[in-house]
Amino acid sequence: TRVGIIASNKMDKTVVAAVQDHVKNPLYKKIIKRTVKFKAHDENNACNIGDRVLIMETRPMSKDKRWRVVEIIEKAK
């Protein structure tokens, strides 16, 4: 499972969740932010842009959708 912010909800029953991670550069040892976007299945179209959601990996649902929204942790303001 991962926690991410909804970046897009324009598709039907699909959202794009941006998951941010802090990674240390192997040579310079500086911590940088890395953002990875996952397409996740949202059955009820309940998510809006800016919501913080918990997504979990699941079986492939389409060409590049392999995650699903488990719960909305925090609604956008």
PDB file of N, CA and C in Angstrom:
ATOM      1  N   THR A   1       0.839  -1.183   0.000  1.00  0.00           N
ATOM      2  CA  THR A   1       0.000   0.000   0.000  1.00  0.00           C
ATOM      3  C   THR A   1       0.881   1.242   0.000  1.00  0.00           C
ATOM      4  N   ARG A   2       0.355   2.323  -0.569  1.00  0.00           N
ATOM      5  CA  ARG A   2       1.059   3.603  -0.605  1.00  0.00           C
ATOM      6  C   ARG A   2       0.055   4.726  -0.393  1.00  0.00           C
ATOM      7  N   VAL A   3       0.568   5.860   0.074  1.00  0.00           N
ATOM      8  CA  VAL A   3      -0.263   7.046   0.281  1.00  0.00           C
ATOM      9  C   VAL A   3       0.122   8.074  -0.764  1.00  0.00           C
ATOM     10  N   GLY A   4      -0.883   8.614  -1.462  1.00  0.00           N
ATOM     11  CA  GLY A   4      -0.607   9.587  -2.508  1.00  0.00           C
ATOM     12  C   GLY A   4      -1.666  10.671  -2.573  1.00  0.00           C
ATOM     13  N   ILE A   5      -1.387  11.665  -3.412  1.00  0.00           N
ATOM     14  CA  ILE A   5      -2.304  12.786  -3.632  1.00  0.00           C
ATOM     15  C   ILE A   5      -2.895  12.618  -5.028  1.00  0.00           C
ATOM     16  N   ILE A   6      -4.201  12.851  -5.167  1.00  0.00           N
ATOM     17  CA  ILE A   6      -4.851  12.722  -6.470  1.00  0.00           C
ATOM     18  C   ILE A   6      -4.425  13.888  -7.365  1.00  0.00           C
ATOM     19  N   ALA A   7      -3.845  13.547  -8.516  1.00  0.00           N
ATOM     20  CA  ALA A   7      -3.388  14.555  -9.469  1.00  0.00           C
ATOM     21  C   ALA A   7      -4.411  14.777 -10.575  1.00  0.00           C
ATOM     22  N   SER A   8      -5.196  13.748 -10.910  1.00  0.00           N
ATOM     23  CA  SER A   8      -6.179  13.874 -11.993  1.00  0.00           C
ATOM     24  C   SER A   8      -7.321  12.904 -11.739  1.00  0.00           C
ATOM     25  N   ASN A   9      -8.559  13.356 -12.058  1.00  0.00           N
ATOM     26  CA  ASN A   9      -9.723  12.465 -11.949  1.00  0.00           C
ATOM     27  C   ASN A   9     -10.610  12.601 -13.183  1.00  0.00           C
ATOM     28  N   LYS A  10     -10.024  12.914 -14.331  1.00  0.00           N
ATOM     29  CA  LYS A  10     -10.793  13.169 -15.545  1.00  0.00           C
ATOM     30  C   LYS A  10     -11.329  11.897 -16.195  1.00  0.00           C
ATOM     31  N   MET A  11     -10.730  10.747 -15.903  1.00  0.00           N
ATOM     32  CA  MET A  11     -11.179   9.495 -16.507  1.00  0.00           C
ATOM     33  C   MET A  11     -12.326   8.888 -15.702  1.00  0.00           C
ATOM     34  N   ASP A  12     -13.085   8.006 -16.322  1.00  0.00           N
ATOM     35  CA  ASP A  12     -14.196   7.344 -15.654  1.00  0.00           C
ATOM     36  C   ASP A  12     -13.678   6.178 -14.828  1.00  0.00           C
ATOM     37  N   LYS A  13     -13.945   6.199 -13.531  1.00  0.00           N
ATOM     38  CA  LYS A  13     -13.543   5.154 -12.580  1.00  0.00           C
ATOM     39  C   LYS A  13     -12.025   4.990 -12.480  1.00  0.00           C
ATOM     40  N   THR A  14     -11.268   6.009 -12.874  1.00  0.00           N
ATOM     41  CA  THR A  14      -9.813   5.956 -12.782  1.00  0.00           C
ATOM     42  C   THR A  14      -9.295   7.288 -12.280  1.00  0.00           C
ATOM     43  N   VAL A  15      -8.321   7.242 -11.371  1.00  0.00           N
ATOM     44  CA  VAL A  15      -7.657   8.453 -10.896  1.00  0.00           C
ATOM     45  C   VAL A  15      -6.154   8.271 -11.041  1.00  0.00           C
ATOM     46  N   VAL A  16      -5.436   9.386 -11.100  1.00  0.00           N
ATOM     47  CA  VAL A  16      -3.983   9.358 -11.120  1.00  0.00           C
ATOM     48  C   VAL A  16      -3.515   9.833  -9.751  1.00  0.00           C
ATOM     49  N   ALA A  17      -2.800   8.971  -9.030  1.00  0.00           N
ATOM     50  CA  ALA A  17      -2.305   9.294  -7.699  1.00  0.00           C
ATOM     51  C   ALA A  17      -0.803   9.520  -7.773  1.00  0.00           C
ATOM     52  N   ALA A  18      -0.349  10.678  -7.289  1.00  0.00           N
ATOM     53  CA  ALA A  18       1.076  11.007  -7.261  1.00  0.00           C
ATOM     54  C   ALA A  18       1.619  10.647  -5.886  1.00  0.00           C
ATOM     55  N   VAL A  19       2.577   9.719  -5.864  1.00  0.00           N
ATOM     56  CA  VAL A  19       3.184   9.263  -4.617  1.00  0.00           C
ATOM     57  C   VAL A  19       4.576   9.871  -4.530  1.00  0.00           C
ATOM     58  N   GLN A  20       4.823  10.606  -3.433  1.00  0.00           N
ATOM     59  CA  GLN A  20       6.109  11.279  -3.268  1.00  0.00           C
ATOM     60  C   GLN A  20       6.998  10.464  -2.336  1.00  0.00           C
ATOM     61  N   ASP A  21       8.287  10.354  -2.688  1.00  0.00           N
ATOM     62  CA  ASP A  21       9.237   9.569  -1.913  1.00  0.00           C
ATOM     63  C   ASP A  21      10.516  10.370  -1.754  1.00  0.00           C
ATOM     64  N   HIS A  22      11.198  10.205  -0.632  1.00  0.00           N
ATOM     65  CA  HIS A  22      12.475  10.878  -0.399  1.00  0.00           C
ATOM     66  C   HIS A  22      13.587   9.863  -0.621  1.00  0.00           C
ATOM     67  N   VAL A  23      14.470  10.152  -1.592  1.00  0.00           N
ATOM     68  CA  VAL A  23      15.528   9.224  -1.983  1.00  0.00           C
ATOM     69  C   VAL A  23      16.877   9.915  -1.800  1.00  0.00           C
ATOM     70  N   LYS A  24      17.850   9.181  -1.288  1.00  0.00           N
ATOM     71  CA  LYS A  24      19.183   9.737  -1.108  1.00  0.00           C
ATOM     72  C   LYS A  24      20.027   9.456  -2.341  1.00  0.00           C
ATOM     73  N   ASN A  25      20.680  10.500  -2.867  1.00  0.00           N
ATOM     74  CA  ASN A  25      21.573  10.346  -4.008  1.00  0.00           C
ATOM     75  C   ASN A  25      22.779   9.510  -3.585  1.00  0.00           C
ATOM     76  N   PRO A  26      23.117   8.463  -4.352  1.00  0.00           N
ATOM     77  CA  PRO A  26      24.201   7.573  -3.913  1.00  0.00           C
ATOM     78  C   PRO A  26      25.578   8.239  -3.869  1.00  0.00           C
ATOM     79  N   LEU A  27      25.828   9.205  -4.737  1.00  0.00           N
ATOM     80  CA  LEU A  27      27.148   9.838  -4.779  1.00  0.00           C
ATOM     81  C   LEU A  27      27.248  11.028  -3.826  1.00  0.00           C
ATOM     82  N   TYR A  28      26.261  11.924  -3.892  1.00  0.00           N
ATOM     83  CA  TYR A  28      26.353  13.177  -3.131  1.00  0.00           C
ATOM     84  C   TYR A  28      25.630  13.143  -1.793  1.00  0.00           C
ATOM     85  N   LYS A  29      24.895  12.064  -1.517  1.00  0.00           N
ATOM     86  CA  LYS A  29      24.202  11.857  -0.244  1.00  0.00           C
ATOM     87  C   LYS A  29      23.140  12.916   0.055  1.00  0.00           C
ATOM     88  N   LYS A  30      22.691  13.645  -0.963  1.00  0.00           N
ATOM     89  CA  LYS A  30      21.644  14.649  -0.773  1.00  0.00           C
ATOM     90  C   LYS A  30      20.286  13.979  -0.959  1.00  0.00           C
ATOM     91  N   ILE A  31      19.334  14.310  -0.103  1.00  0.00           N
ATOM     92  CA  ILE A  31      18.000  13.725  -0.189  1.00  0.00           C
ATOM     93  C   ILE A  31      17.169  14.552  -1.164  1.00  0.00           C
ATOM     94  N   ILE A  32      16.589  13.865  -2.154  1.00  0.00           N
ATOM     95  CA  ILE A  32      15.753  14.532  -3.151  1.00  0.00           C
ATOM     96  C   ILE A  32      14.358  13.925  -3.119  1.00  0.00           C
ATOM     97  N   LYS A  33      13.364  14.700  -3.568  1.00  0.00           N
ATOM     98  CA  LYS A  33      11.993  14.212  -3.657  1.00  0.00           C
ATOM     99  C   LYS A  33      11.792  13.581  -5.021  1.00  0.00           C
ATOM    100  N   ARG A  34      11.244  12.388  -5.035  1.00  0.00           N
ATOM    101  CA  ARG A  34      10.923  11.710  -6.282  1.00  0.00           C
ATOM    102  C   ARG A  34       9.428  11.433  -6.299  1.00  0.00           C
ATOM    103  N   THR A  35       8.756  11.829  -7.382  1.00  0.00           N
ATOM    104  CA  THR A  35       7.318  11.633  -7.504  1.00  0.00           C
ATOM    105  C   THR A  35       7.036  10.601  -8.588  1.00  0.00           C
ATOM    106  N   VAL A  36       6.233   9.596  -8.248  1.00  0.00           N
ATOM    107  CA  VAL A  36       5.828   8.561  -9.189  1.00  0.00           C
ATOM    108  C   VAL A  36       4.315   8.616  -9.284  1.00  0.00           C
ATOM    109  N   LYS A  37       3.779   8.550 -10.504  1.00  0.00           N
ATOM    110  CA  LYS A  37       2.330   8.603 -10.695  1.00  0.00           C
ATOM    111  C   LYS A  37       1.797   7.211 -11.001  1.00  0.00           C
ATOM    112  N   PHE A  38       0.735   6.834 -10.305  1.00  0.00           N
ATOM    113  CA  PHE A  38       0.079   5.548 -10.510  1.00  0.00           C
ATOM    114  C   PHE A  38      -1.362   5.795 -10.926  1.00  0.00           C
ATOM    115  N   LYS A  39      -1.863   5.010 -11.892  1.00  0.00           N
ATOM    116  CA  LYS A  39      -3.277   5.034 -12.218  1.00  0.00           C
ATOM    117  C   LYS A  39      -3.964   4.022 -11.313  1.00  0.00           C
ATOM    118  N   ALA A  40      -5.016   4.482 -10.636  1.00  0.00           N
ATOM    119  CA  ALA A  40      -5.702   3.635  -9.661  1.00  0.00           C
ATOM    120  C   ALA A  40      -7.189   3.574  -9.972  1.00  0.00           C
ATOM    121  N   HIS A  41      -7.803   2.438  -9.645  1.00  0.00           N
ATOM    122  CA  HIS A  41      -9.225   2.213  -9.887  1.00  0.00           C
ATOM    123  C   HIS A  41     -10.041   2.848  -8.762  1.00  0.00           C
ATOM    124  N   ASP A  42     -10.994   3.697  -9.130  1.00  0.00           N
ATOM    125  CA  ASP A  42     -11.877   4.370  -8.182  1.00  0.00           C
ATOM    126  C   ASP A  42     -13.306   4.031  -8.584  1.00  0.00           C
ATOM    127  N   GLU A  43     -13.874   3.012  -7.970  1.00  0.00           N
ATOM    128  CA  GLU A  43     -15.151   2.442  -8.415  1.00  0.00           C
ATOM    129  C   GLU A  43     -16.293   3.447  -8.409  1.00  0.00           C
ATOM    130  N   ASN A  44     -16.379   4.299  -7.378  1.00  0.00           N
ATOM    131  CA  ASN A  44     -17.526   5.193  -7.230  1.00  0.00           C
ATOM    132  C   ASN A  44     -17.252   6.618  -7.695  1.00  0.00           C
ATOM    133  N   ASN A  45     -16.116   6.863  -8.328  1.00  0.00           N
ATOM    134  CA  ASN A  45     -15.720   8.223  -8.733  1.00  0.00           C
ATOM    135  C   ASN A  45     -15.809   9.191  -7.554  1.00  0.00           C
ATOM    136  N   ALA A  46     -15.324   8.756  -6.388  1.00  0.00           N
ATOM    137  CA  ALA A  46     -15.447   9.551  -5.161  1.00  0.00           C
ATOM    138  C   ALA A  46     -14.284  10.510  -4.956  1.00  0.00           C
ATOM    139  N   CYS A  47     -13.155  10.279  -5.620  1.00  0.00           N
ATOM    140  CA  CYS A  47     -11.956  11.080  -5.384  1.00  0.00           C
ATOM    141  C   CYS A  47     -11.979  12.366  -6.202  1.00  0.00           C
ATOM    142  N   ASN A  48     -11.462  13.432  -5.590  1.00  0.00           N
ATOM    143  CA  ASN A  48     -11.292  14.707  -6.271  1.00  0.00           C
ATOM    144  C   ASN A  48      -9.820  15.103  -6.223  1.00  0.00           C
ATOM    145  N   ILE A  49      -9.443  16.065  -7.058  1.00  0.00           N
ATOM    146  CA  ILE A  49      -8.054  16.508  -7.119  1.00  0.00           C
ATOM    147  C   ILE A  49      -7.644  17.084  -5.767  1.00  0.00           C
ATOM    148  N   GLY A  50      -6.490  16.647  -5.261  1.00  0.00           N
ATOM    149  CA  GLY A  50      -5.975  17.137  -3.991  1.00  0.00           C
ATOM    150  C   GLY A  50      -6.269  16.232  -2.812  1.00  0.00           C
ATOM    151  N   ASP A  51      -7.128  15.228  -2.985  1.00  0.00           N
ATOM    152  CA  ASP A  51      -7.420  14.297  -1.889  1.00  0.00           C
ATOM    153  C   ASP A  51      -6.204  13.433  -1.591  1.00  0.00           C
ATOM    154  N   ARG A  52      -6.011  13.121  -0.307  1.00  0.00           N
ATOM    155  CA  ARG A  52      -4.961  12.179   0.092  1.00  0.00           C
ATOM    156  C   ARG A  52      -5.605  10.808   0.205  1.00  0.00           C
ATOM    157  N   VAL A  53      -5.074   9.829  -0.545  1.00  0.00           N
ATOM    158  CA  VAL A  53      -5.701   8.506  -0.607  1.00  0.00           C
ATOM    159  C   VAL A  53      -4.687   7.409  -0.300  1.00  0.00           C
ATOM    160  N   LEU A  54      -5.215   6.279   0.116  1.00  0.00           N
ATOM    161  CA  LEU A  54      -4.423   5.070   0.310  1.00  0.00           C
ATOM    162  C   LEU A  54      -4.718   4.154  -0.871  1.00  0.00           C
ATOM    163  N   ILE A  55      -3.669   3.773  -1.621  1.00  0.00           N
ATOM    164  CA  ILE A  55      -3.860   2.878  -2.765  1.00  0.00           C
ATOM    165  C   ILE A  55      -3.133   1.569  -2.481  1.00  0.00           C
ATOM    166  N   MET A  56      -3.654   0.492  -3.052  1.00  0.00           N
ATOM    167  CA  MET A  56      -3.001  -0.811  -2.879  1.00  0.00           C
ATOM    168  C   MET A  56      -2.870  -1.497  -4.224  1.00  0.00           C
ATOM    169  N   GLU A  57      -1.818  -2.275  -4.366  1.00  0.00           N
ATOM    170  CA  GLU A  57      -1.557  -2.973  -5.616  1.00  0.00           C
ATOM    171  C   GLU A  57      -2.568  -4.099  -5.783  1.00  0.00           C
ATOM    172  N   THR A  58      -2.993  -4.313  -7.025  1.00  0.00           N
ATOM    173  CA  THR A  58      -4.002  -5.333  -7.298  1.00  0.00           C
ATOM    174  C   THR A  58      -3.720  -5.941  -8.670  1.00  0.00           C
ATOM    175  N   ARG A  59      -4.606  -6.810  -9.136  1.00  0.00           N
ATOM    176  CA  ARG A  59      -4.415  -7.437 -10.444  1.00  0.00           C
ATOM    177  C   ARG A  59      -4.513  -6.378 -11.536  1.00  0.00           C
ATOM    178  N   PRO A  60      -3.949  -6.629 -12.721  1.00  0.00           N
ATOM    179  CA  PRO A  60      -4.075  -5.660 -13.804  1.00  0.00           C
ATOM    180  C   PRO A  60      -5.539  -5.472 -14.216  1.00  0.00           C
ATOM    181  N   MET A  61      -5.998  -4.213 -14.191  1.00  0.00           N
ATOM    182  CA  MET A  61      -7.375  -3.909 -14.566  1.00  0.00           C
ATOM    183  C   MET A  61      -7.467  -3.348 -15.974  1.00  0.00           C
ATOM    184  N   SER A  62      -6.379  -2.826 -16.498  1.00  0.00           N
ATOM    185  CA  SER A  62      -6.319  -2.340 -17.870  1.00  0.00           C
ATOM    186  C   SER A  62      -4.850  -2.322 -18.274  1.00  0.00           C
ATOM    187  N   LYS A  63      -4.559  -1.650 -19.385  1.00  0.00           N
ATOM    188  CA  LYS A  63      -3.191  -1.639 -19.905  1.00  0.00           C
ATOM    189  C   LYS A  63      -2.169  -1.149 -18.885  1.00  0.00           C
ATOM    190  N   ASP A  64      -2.485  -0.061 -18.173  1.00  0.00           N
ATOM    191  CA  ASP A  64      -1.522   0.463 -17.198  1.00  0.00           C
ATOM    192  C   ASP A  64      -2.166   0.815 -15.857  1.00  0.00           C
ATOM    193  N   LYS A  65      -3.258   0.165 -15.516  1.00  0.00           N
ATOM    194  CA  LYS A  65      -3.914   0.380 -14.217  1.00  0.00           C
ATOM    195  C   LYS A  65      -3.754  -0.877 -13.377  1.00  0.00           C
ATOM    196  N   ARG A  66      -2.881  -0.798 -12.345  1.00  0.00           N
ATOM    197  CA  ARG A  66      -2.600  -1.947 -11.491  1.00  0.00           C
ATOM    198  C   ARG A  66      -2.783  -1.635 -10.007  1.00  0.00           C
ATOM    199  N   TRP A  67      -3.434  -0.514  -9.694  1.00  0.00           N
ATOM    200  CA  TRP A  67      -3.651  -0.115  -8.308  1.00  0.00           C
ATOM    201  C   TRP A  67      -5.124   0.177  -8.110  1.00  0.00           C
ATOM    202  N   ARG A  68      -5.583   0.168  -6.863  1.00  0.00           N
ATOM    203  CA  ARG A  68      -6.953   0.569  -6.574  1.00  0.00           C
ATOM    204  C   ARG A  68      -6.983   1.393  -5.291  1.00  0.00           C
ATOM    205  N   VAL A  69      -7.952   2.290  -5.234  1.00  0.00           N
ATOM    206  CA  VAL A  69      -8.108   3.171  -4.077  1.00  0.00           C
ATOM    207  C   VAL A  69      -8.773   2.389  -2.961  1.00  0.00           C
ATOM    208  N   VAL A  70      -8.107   2.316  -1.804  1.00  0.00           N
ATOM    209  CA  VAL A  70      -8.657   1.606  -0.658  1.00  0.00           C
ATOM    210  C   VAL A  70      -9.532   2.549   0.166  1.00  0.00           C
ATOM    211  N   GLU A  71      -9.003   3.760   0.468  1.00  0.00           N
ATOM    212  CA  GLU A  71      -9.775   4.722   1.235  1.00  0.00           C
ATOM    213  C   GLU A  71      -9.268   6.126   0.983  1.00  0.00           C
ATOM    214  N   ILE A  72     -10.151   7.083   1.193  1.00  0.00           N
ATOM    215  CA  ILE A  72      -9.783   8.490   1.125  1.00  0.00           C
ATOM    216  C   ILE A  72      -9.417   8.921   2.536  1.00  0.00           C
ATOM    217  N   ILE A  73      -8.132   9.216   2.751  1.00  0.00           N
ATOM    218  CA  ILE A  73      -7.661   9.577   4.084  1.00  0.00           C
ATOM    219  C   ILE A  73      -8.091  10.986   4.458  1.00  0.00           C
ATOM    220  N   GLU A  74      -7.926  11.916   3.497  1.00  0.00           N
ATOM    221  CA  GLU A  74      -8.224  13.319   3.782  1.00  0.00           C
ATOM    222  C   GLU A  74      -8.760  13.978   2.517  1.00  0.00           C
ATOM    223  N   LYS A  75      -9.890  14.658   2.645  1.00  0.00           N
ATOM    224  CA  LYS A  75     -10.468  15.366   1.505  1.00  0.00           C
ATOM    225  C   LYS A  75      -9.732  16.679   1.277  1.00  0.00           C
ATOM    226  N   ALA A  76      -9.693  17.142   0.018  1.00  0.00           N
ATOM    227  CA  ALA A  76      -9.054  18.411  -0.311  1.00  0.00           C
ATOM    228  C   ALA A  76      -9.880  19.560   0.252  1.00  0.00           C
ATOM    229  N   LYS A  77      -9.192  20.658   0.567  1.00  0.00           N
ATOM    230  CA  LYS A  77      -9.892  21.804   1.141  1.00  0.00           C
ATOM    231  C   LYS A  77     -10.479  22.668   0.063  1.00  0.00           C
TER     232      LYS A  77
END
